[in-house]
């Protein structure tokens, strides 16, 4: 090997960072002064936009429902009309916060980067040796913060405040919160049955005036169960029916030798039979999956075929987790576009063009989620396709920029 080749190899090896230096670089990228400053600026602008948006939405909500809100007060003098309105406003804040966070973070990053670019602070940071990749650390941190807040509010805080709203205000979100003596006639379909019953929620779940039409795996009507009431058995997938009849079909041969169906009916006082219906699902019947706590959704998904329209509950769980990746990737992509396209003498429309990219991602994400909630496309596909595409675009854009920067250097 020539001395020149040895010298090149030694020089190349010397430039490689040692493991300790890599750790130091990561630590510096996450905690150095520039990262703290830009992260605080992102959070400040995002918070301002979120608060303004939430205030407008809640104000419109209150103005449209103030009459019903005050009329629903059981004891109007207990806390006063103003106190009741403030209490209702606070509950509504947690209800609308998850939707607002998804786009407030993007617009907050655009606003902050526009301020940094037009005030020449971004140029100053790059001139001081701030590399491109460490400059994305604030967007990564804020994306993780916003995604985590969104998951916590949507999965735990919002369901809790929905229950408070249903018990203390005029709003109704489902049978579980209203707790009537029993519901009206409810129709629901499982894997191989259609049922009609009145739901009663007391110390436990029960069904009254029950009709069950069982079709079996063949798709033909096998039998009909009519009962005064039914309660879930200890074994999953089984219910005990009380005071009713079982009707089933059999085949009779007449004198001509032709077969004709005959309806047979047997009465019973108690009948325990397989009935693929989850008591937990019955308890939460009529409640939108997005209003259920995360632990309830997880338990429903674990019950599988016992839950009618299982895909709706899977979709909600996937959406909450996918929103974390969505927040991180879209904020990184927005920060990349802003840092590479904004300049000190730029016109405001350039900032608007970057914001519209984020809004387009938010719109597509909302559309795919809607299609998944209605069962038009696969739940996994609808929840993850937009975040994954955004991640691929981000990686490609970052690679192209770094490669172009290396060529220029």
Protein backbone atom coordinates (compact mmCIF):
# COMPACT_ATOMS: atom_id res chain seq x y z
CA UNK A 1 0.00 0.00 0.00
CA UNK A 2 1.37 3.40 -0.90
CA UNK A 3 2.21 6.02 1.69
CA UNK A 4 -0.47 8.26 0.17
CA UNK A 5 -3.17 5.59 0.67
CA UNK A 6 -2.04 4.99 4.25
CA UNK A 7 -2.15 8.71 4.93
CA UNK A 8 -5.71 8.92 3.49
CA UNK A 9 -6.90 6.02 5.61
CA UNK A 10 -5.40 7.44 8.77
CA UNK A 11 -6.90 10.85 8.05
CA UNK A 12 -10.32 9.31 7.38
CA UNK A 13 -10.16 7.24 10.58
CA UNK A 14 -9.14 10.26 12.59
CA UNK A 15 -12.23 12.11 11.44
CA UNK A 16 -14.57 9.40 12.72
CA UNK A 17 -16.07 10.36 16.08
CA UNK A 18 -15.33 8.10 19.01
CA UNK A 19 -18.30 6.61 20.87
CA UNK A 20 -17.94 9.16 23.65
CA UNK A 21 -17.96 12.04 21.17
CA UNK A 22 -21.12 10.69 19.52
CA UNK A 23 -22.86 10.63 22.91
CA UNK A 24 -21.64 14.15 23.58
CA UNK A 25 -22.94 15.31 20.21
CA UNK A 26 -26.38 13.83 20.87
CA UNK A 27 -26.45 15.32 24.36
CA UNK A 28 -25.41 18.71 23.02
CA UNK A 29 -28.00 18.58 20.24
CA UNK A 30 -30.78 17.95 22.75
CA UNK A 31 -29.76 20.22 25.61
CA UNK A 32 -27.54 23.00 24.31
CA UNK A 33 -28.65 26.63 24.53
CA UNK A 34 -29.86 26.92 20.93
CA UNK A 35 -32.10 23.84 21.32
CA UNK A 36 -33.64 25.16 24.52
CA UNK A 37 -34.23 28.57 22.96
CA UNK A 38 -35.86 27.27 19.76
CA UNK A 39 -37.88 24.62 21.61
CA UNK A 40 -39.27 27.27 23.98
CA UNK A 41 -40.12 29.45 20.97
CA UNK A 42 -41.94 26.57 19.25
CA UNK A 43 -43.93 25.77 22.39
CA UNK A 44 -44.75 29.42 22.98
CA UNK A 45 -46.14 30.00 19.50
CA UNK A 46 -47.95 26.67 19.48
CA UNK A 47 -49.56 27.43 22.86
CA UNK A 48 -50.74 30.85 21.68
CA UNK A 49 -52.35 29.39 18.57
CA UNK A 50 -53.91 26.51 20.50
CA UNK A 51 -55.35 28.78 23.19
CA UNK A 52 -56.79 31.22 20.64
CA UNK A 53 -58.36 28.41 18.61
CA UNK A 54 -59.76 26.63 21.65
CA UNK A 55 -61.14 29.90 23.04
CA UNK A 56 -63.00 30.62 19.81
CA UNK A 57 -64.45 27.10 19.59
CA UNK A 58 -65.52 27.04 23.25
CA UNK A 59 -67.00 30.55 23.03
CA UNK A 60 -69.12 29.54 20.03
CA UNK A 61 -70.15 26.36 21.84
CA UNK A 62 -71.26 28.28 24.94
CA UNK A 63 -73.17 30.89 22.94
CA UNK A 64 -75.09 28.13 21.14
CA UNK A 65 -75.85 26.09 24.26
CA UNK A 66 -76.03 28.60 27.12
CA UNK A 67 -79.82 28.34 27.39
CA UNK A 68 -79.87 24.57 27.60
CA UNK A 69 -76.89 24.65 29.97
CA UNK A 70 -78.59 26.96 32.49
CA UNK A 71 -81.94 25.20 32.20
CA UNK A 72 -80.32 21.84 32.98
CA UNK A 73 -79.06 23.02 36.38
CA UNK A 74 -80.74 21.03 39.12
CA UNK A 75 -79.88 23.68 41.71
CA UNK A 76 -79.32 26.98 39.88
CA UNK A 77 -78.42 28.86 43.06
CA UNK A 78 -75.75 26.43 44.21
CA UNK A 79 -72.85 27.93 42.30
CA UNK A 80 -74.44 30.65 40.20
CA UNK A 81 -74.89 30.90 36.46
CA UNK A 82 -71.39 32.28 35.89
CA UNK A 83 -69.75 29.46 37.83
CA UNK A 84 -71.72 26.88 35.87
CA UNK A 85 -70.68 28.43 32.55
CA UNK A 86 -67.01 28.49 33.59
CA UNK A 87 -67.23 24.86 34.71
CA UNK A 88 -68.80 23.87 31.38
CA UNK A 89 -66.13 25.81 29.46
CA UNK A 90 -63.33 23.97 31.27
CA UNK A 91 -64.90 20.63 30.42
CA UNK A 92 -65.23 21.58 26.76
CA UNK A 93 -61.57 22.62 26.61
CA UNK A 94 -60.43 19.04 27.17
CA UNK A 95 -62.99 17.84 24.60
CA UNK A 96 -61.65 19.96 21.73
CA UNK A 97 -57.95 19.99 22.69
CA UNK A 98 -56.91 16.78 20.85
CA UNK A 99 -58.22 18.02 17.51
CA UNK A 100 -56.62 21.45 17.92
CA UNK A 101 -53.20 20.13 18.89
CA UNK A 102 -52.71 18.26 15.62
CA UNK A 103 -52.51 21.44 13.54
CA UNK A 104 -51.59 24.05 16.18
CA UNK A 105 -48.14 22.46 16.48
CA UNK A 106 -47.50 22.74 12.73
CA UNK A 107 -48.59 26.37 12.52
CA UNK A 108 -46.59 27.14 15.68
CA UNK A 109 -43.40 25.80 14.07
CA UNK A 110 -44.04 27.83 10.90
CA UNK A 111 -44.66 30.99 12.91
CA UNK A 112 -41.52 30.47 15.02
CA UNK A 113 -39.31 29.73 12.01
CA UNK A 114 -40.68 32.77 10.15
CA UNK A 115 -39.71 34.92 13.15
CA UNK A 116 -36.23 33.38 13.29
CA UNK A 117 -35.70 33.85 9.54
CA UNK A 118 -36.93 37.45 9.22
CA UNK A 119 -35.01 38.55 12.33
CA UNK A 120 -31.80 36.90 11.00
CA UNK A 121 -31.59 34.71 14.13
CA UNK A 122 -31.66 31.53 12.08
CA UNK A 123 -28.76 32.79 9.94
CA UNK A 124 -26.88 33.67 13.12
CA UNK A 125 -27.39 30.13 14.47
CA UNK A 126 -26.09 28.55 11.26
CA UNK A 127 -23.18 31.01 11.12
CA UNK A 128 -22.14 29.97 14.62
CA UNK A 129 -21.59 26.43 13.39
CA UNK A 130 -25.03 25.01 14.17
CA UNK A 131 -25.38 21.98 11.88
CA UNK A 132 -28.58 21.06 10.06
CA UNK A 133 -29.39 17.78 11.84
CA UNK A 134 -29.01 19.20 15.41
CA UNK A 135 -31.26 22.08 14.29
CA UNK A 136 -34.10 19.57 13.91
CA UNK A 137 -33.85 18.59 17.59
CA UNK A 138 -36.38 21.23 18.76
CA UNK A 139 -38.96 19.97 16.25
CA UNK A 140 -38.35 16.40 17.43
CA UNK A 141 -38.76 17.38 21.09
CA UNK A 142 -41.90 19.44 20.48
CA UNK A 143 -43.37 16.70 18.27
CA UNK A 144 -42.89 14.15 21.06
CA UNK A 145 -44.39 16.55 23.61
CA UNK A 146 -47.43 17.34 21.47
CA UNK A 147 -47.95 13.70 20.49
CA UNK A 148 -47.75 12.56 24.11
CA UNK A 149 -50.17 15.27 25.26
CA UNK A 150 -52.56 14.36 22.46
CA UNK A 151 -52.46 10.68 23.43
CA UNK A 152 -52.97 11.42 27.15
CA UNK A 153 -55.84 13.86 26.60
CA UNK A 154 -57.61 11.72 23.98
CA UNK A 155 -57.13 8.46 25.86
CA UNK A 156 -57.73 9.49 29.48
CA UNK A 157 -58.65 13.14 30.12
CA UNK A 158 -61.31 13.54 27.43
CA UNK A 159 -63.27 10.38 28.42
CA UNK A 160 -63.22 11.48 32.07
CA UNK A 161 -64.55 14.95 31.27
CA UNK A 162 -67.19 13.46 28.97
CA UNK A 163 -68.54 11.53 31.94
CA UNK A 164 -68.55 14.72 34.03
CA UNK A 165 -70.37 16.58 31.26
CA UNK A 166 -73.02 13.90 30.99
CA UNK A 167 -73.70 13.91 34.74
CA UNK A 168 -73.55 17.65 35.40
CA UNK A 169 -74.66 19.40 32.19
CA UNK A 170 -77.31 19.06 29.49
CA UNK A 171 -75.21 16.92 27.16
CA UNK A 172 -75.90 13.23 26.62
CA UNK A 173 -73.22 10.88 25.32
CA UNK A 174 -74.84 7.49 25.75
CA UNK A 175 -76.84 5.11 27.86
CA UNK A 176 -74.00 4.45 30.29
CA UNK A 177 -73.96 8.09 31.39
CA UNK A 178 -77.74 8.70 31.38
CA UNK A 179 -78.54 5.61 33.48
CA UNK A 180 -82.30 5.35 32.73
CA UNK A 181 -84.40 2.52 34.17
CA UNK A 182 -83.85 0.79 30.85
CA UNK A 183 -83.19 1.78 27.27
CA UNK A 184 -85.54 1.71 24.34
CA UNK A 185 -85.38 -1.13 21.87
CA UNK A 186 -81.80 -1.60 20.70
CA UNK A 187 -80.86 -3.62 17.61
CA UNK A 188 -77.34 -5.01 17.28
CA UNK A 189 -75.67 -7.63 15.13
CA UNK A 190 -72.84 -10.01 15.96
CA UNK A 191 -70.82 -12.48 13.91
CA UNK A 192 -73.75 -14.86 13.38
CA UNK A 193 -76.77 -13.30 15.07
CA UNK A 194 -79.11 -10.32 15.14
CA UNK A 195 -80.65 -9.31 18.45
CA UNK A 196 -83.21 -6.88 19.79
CA UNK A 197 -83.45 -6.01 23.47
CA UNK A 198 -83.84 -3.30 26.07
CA UNK A 199 -80.60 -2.67 27.97
CA UNK A 200 -80.66 -2.21 31.74
CA UNK A 201 -77.57 -0.93 33.56
CA UNK A 202 -77.71 -1.25 37.32
CA UNK A 203 -75.23 -3.15 39.48
CA UNK A 204 -74.62 -5.40 36.48
CA UNK A 205 -75.59 -5.58 32.80
CA UNK A 206 -78.83 -7.22 31.75
CA UNK A 207 -81.15 -7.40 28.75
CA UNK A 208 -84.95 -7.27 28.88
CA UNK A 209 -87.53 -8.27 26.23
CA UNK A 210 -84.86 -10.17 24.34
CA UNK A 211 -85.14 -11.53 20.79
CA UNK A 212 -82.13 -13.36 19.35
CA UNK A 213 -82.06 -14.58 15.74
CA UNK A 214 -79.19 -17.04 15.34
CA UNK A 215 -78.00 -17.72 11.79
CA UNK A 216 -75.14 -20.10 12.47
CA UNK A 217 -72.07 -20.40 10.30
CA UNK A 218 -74.11 -21.44 7.24
CA UNK A 219 -76.01 -18.16 7.13
CA UNK A 220 -79.41 -19.87 7.46
CA UNK A 221 -81.69 -19.07 10.38
CA UNK A 222 -81.10 -21.77 12.99
CA UNK A 223 -83.31 -20.75 15.89
CA UNK A 224 -85.01 -17.82 17.62
CA UNK A 225 -84.77 -17.16 21.33
CA UNK A 226 -87.39 -15.01 23.02
CA UNK A 227 -86.93 -14.27 26.72
CA UNK A 228 -88.12 -11.87 29.39
CA UNK A 229 -84.53 -11.15 30.39
CA UNK A 230 -80.92 -12.28 29.99
CA UNK A 231 -77.75 -11.94 32.02
CA UNK A 232 -74.13 -12.73 31.14
CA UNK A 233 -72.74 -16.00 32.47
CA UNK A 234 -69.32 -16.23 34.15
CA UNK A 235 -67.92 -17.97 31.06
CA UNK A 236 -67.22 -15.52 28.22
CA UNK A 237 -69.51 -15.91 25.22
CA UNK A 238 -72.39 -17.40 27.21
CA UNK A 239 -75.58 -15.78 28.55
CA UNK A 240 -78.41 -17.09 30.72
CA UNK A 241 -81.93 -16.42 29.42
CA UNK A 242 -84.99 -16.41 31.71
CA UNK A 243 -88.69 -17.18 31.05
CA UNK A 244 -88.88 -17.60 27.31
CA UNK A 245 -89.09 -19.89 24.33
CA UNK A 246 -86.73 -21.37 21.75
CA UNK A 247 -88.10 -21.72 18.23
CA UNK A 248 -86.30 -23.82 15.64
CA UNK A 249 -87.07 -25.36 12.25
CA UNK A 250 -87.28 -29.03 11.35
CA UNK A 251 -88.27 -30.91 8.19
CA UNK A 252 -91.50 -32.90 7.88
CA UNK A 253 -92.48 -35.34 5.12
CA UNK A 254 -96.10 -35.35 3.98
CA UNK A 255 -98.06 -38.11 2.19
CA UNK A 256 -96.78 -37.06 -1.22
CA UNK A 257 -93.18 -37.51 -0.09
CA UNK A 258 -92.27 -33.82 -0.31
CA UNK A 259 -90.46 -32.17 2.59
CA UNK A 260 -91.72 -29.01 4.22
CA UNK A 261 -90.30 -26.94 7.08
CA UNK A 262 -91.99 -27.00 10.45
CA UNK A 263 -91.59 -24.56 13.31
CA UNK A 264 -91.04 -26.11 16.74
CA UNK A 265 -91.21 -24.20 19.99
CA UNK A 266 -89.92 -25.15 23.44
CA UNK A 267 -90.54 -23.18 26.59
CA UNK A 268 -87.93 -22.75 29.32
CA UNK A 269 -87.52 -21.05 32.67
CA UNK A 270 -83.73 -20.87 32.52
CA UNK A 271 -81.52 -21.43 29.50
CA UNK A 272 -77.74 -20.98 29.39
CA UNK A 273 -76.47 -20.92 25.82
CA UNK A 274 -73.68 -19.50 23.74
CA UNK A 275 -74.33 -15.90 22.80
CA UNK A 276 -71.27 -14.14 21.36
CA UNK A 277 -71.86 -10.75 22.95
CA UNK A 278 -69.56 -8.88 25.34
CA UNK A 279 -71.19 -7.50 28.51
CA UNK A 280 -68.63 -4.69 28.45
CA UNK A 281 -69.77 -3.75 24.95
CA UNK A 282 -73.41 -3.76 26.10
CA UNK A 283 -72.46 -1.48 29.00
CA UNK A 284 -70.97 1.00 26.54
CA UNK A 285 -73.60 0.61 23.82
CA UNK A 286 -74.26 3.79 21.85
CA UNK A 287 -71.07 5.53 23.01
CA UNK A 288 -68.65 6.62 20.30
CA UNK A 289 -65.33 4.73 20.55
CA UNK A 290 -63.37 8.01 20.59
CA UNK A 291 -65.09 8.86 23.90
CA UNK A 292 -64.02 5.65 25.65
CA UNK A 293 -60.94 5.42 27.91
CA UNK A 294 -57.88 3.64 26.58
CA UNK A 295 -58.16 0.76 29.06
CA UNK A 296 -61.79 0.07 28.03
CA UNK A 297 -60.84 0.04 24.35
CA UNK A 298 -57.97 -2.35 25.01
CA UNK A 299 -60.24 -4.72 26.94
CA UNK A 300 -62.86 -4.64 24.18
CA UNK A 301 -60.26 -5.44 21.52
CA UNK A 302 -59.01 -8.37 23.60
CA UNK A 303 -62.53 -9.86 23.55
CA UNK A 304 -62.41 -10.21 19.76
CA UNK A 305 -65.54 -11.75 18.20
CA UNK A 306 -67.65 -10.95 21.26
CA UNK A 307 -67.65 -7.27 20.24
CA UNK A 308 -69.87 -6.14 17.33
CA UNK A 309 -68.13 -3.81 14.86
CA UNK A 310 -64.77 -4.53 16.46
CA UNK A 311 -62.96 -2.54 13.77
CA UNK A 312 -64.31 0.74 15.15
CA UNK A 313 -62.59 0.19 18.49
CA UNK A 314 -59.38 -1.01 16.82
CA UNK A 315 -59.46 2.09 14.63
CA UNK A 316 -59.63 4.39 17.65
CA UNK A 317 -56.68 2.70 19.35
CA UNK A 318 -54.57 2.79 16.18
CA UNK A 319 -55.49 6.45 15.63
CA UNK A 320 -54.28 7.47 19.07
CA UNK A 321 -50.92 5.76 18.64
CA UNK A 322 -50.51 6.90 15.03
CA UNK A 323 -51.11 10.50 16.10
CA UNK A 324 -47.86 10.41 18.07
CA UNK A 325 -45.86 9.50 14.97
CA UNK A 326 -47.91 11.99 12.92
CA UNK A 327 -47.05 14.86 15.30
CA UNK A 328 -43.34 14.03 15.32
CA UNK A 329 -42.95 13.54 11.56
CA UNK A 330 -45.05 16.50 10.43
CA UNK A 331 -43.26 18.89 12.77
CA UNK A 332 -39.87 17.63 11.60
CA UNK A 333 -40.97 18.00 7.99
CA UNK A 334 -42.35 21.49 8.64
CA UNK A 335 -39.13 22.54 10.37
CA UNK A 336 -37.08 21.14 7.48
CA UNK A 337 -39.08 23.06 4.88
CA UNK A 338 -38.93 26.25 6.93
CA UNK A 339 -35.18 26.09 7.60
CA UNK A 340 -34.31 25.31 3.97
CA UNK A 341 -36.73 27.76 2.31
CA UNK A 342 -37.15 30.72 4.65
CA UNK A 343 -34.83 33.73 4.34
CA UNK A 344 -34.49 37.12 5.98
CA UNK A 345 -36.11 39.07 3.14
CA UNK A 346 -38.85 36.58 2.37
CA UNK A 347 -42.46 37.46 1.68
CA UNK A 348 -45.15 36.10 4.05
CA UNK A 349 -46.71 33.95 1.32
CA UNK A 350 -43.69 31.62 1.44
CA UNK A 351 -44.46 30.89 5.09
CA UNK A 352 -48.06 30.28 4.11
CA UNK A 353 -46.98 27.77 1.46
CA UNK A 354 -45.09 25.73 4.07
CA UNK A 355 -48.05 25.91 6.45
CA UNK A 356 -50.32 24.67 3.66
CA UNK A 357 -48.13 21.57 3.31
CA UNK A 358 -48.76 20.82 6.97
CA UNK A 359 -52.46 21.55 6.55
CA UNK A 360 -52.56 19.19 3.56
CA UNK A 361 -51.03 16.43 5.68
CA UNK A 362 -53.60 17.13 8.42
CA UNK A 363 -56.44 17.02 5.87
CA UNK A 364 -55.27 13.71 4.37
CA UNK A 365 -54.76 12.24 7.83
CA UNK A 366 -58.31 13.23 8.79
CA UNK A 367 -59.75 11.77 5.57
CA UNK A 368 -58.03 8.40 5.98
CA UNK A 369 -59.10 8.24 9.63
CA UNK A 370 -62.69 8.94 8.63
CA UNK A 371 -62.60 6.19 6.01
CA UNK A 372 -61.20 3.78 8.58
CA UNK A 373 -63.85 4.66 11.19
CA UNK A 374 -66.59 3.93 8.65
CA UNK A 375 -65.02 0.62 7.57
CA UNK A 376 -64.23 1.58 3.98
CA UNK A 377 -60.52 0.73 4.27
CA UNK A 378 -58.35 -1.33 6.60
CA UNK A 379 -57.91 0.09 10.09
CA UNK A 380 -54.12 -0.35 10.10
CA UNK A 381 -53.82 1.21 6.65
CA UNK A 382 -56.05 4.18 7.41
CA UNK A 383 -54.29 5.01 10.70
CA UNK A 384 -50.66 4.64 9.62
CA UNK A 385 -50.50 5.39 5.89
CA UNK A 386 -50.20 9.20 6.15
CA UNK A 387 -47.64 9.23 9.03
CA UNK A 388 -45.53 6.60 7.22
CA UNK A 389 -45.66 8.49 3.90
CA UNK A 390 -44.70 11.69 5.71
CA UNK A 391 -41.79 9.84 7.34
CA UNK A 392 -40.56 8.60 3.96
CA UNK A 393 -40.80 12.10 2.49
CA UNK A 394 -38.91 13.51 5.49
CA UNK A 395 -36.10 10.96 5.16
CA UNK A 396 -35.78 11.57 1.43
CA UNK A 397 -35.83 15.36 1.84
CA UNK A 398 -33.24 15.23 4.62
CA UNK A 399 -30.97 12.91 2.64
CA UNK A 400 -31.22 15.08 -0.49
CA UNK A 401 -30.45 18.23 1.47
CA UNK A 402 -27.48 16.69 3.29
CA UNK A 403 -26.11 15.27 0.05
CA UNK A 404 -26.49 18.63 -1.67
CA UNK A 405 -24.83 20.38 1.24
CA UNK A 406 -21.93 17.91 1.13
CA UNK A 407 -21.50 18.49 -2.61
CA UNK A 408 -21.55 22.26 -2.13
CA UNK A 409 -18.96 21.94 0.65
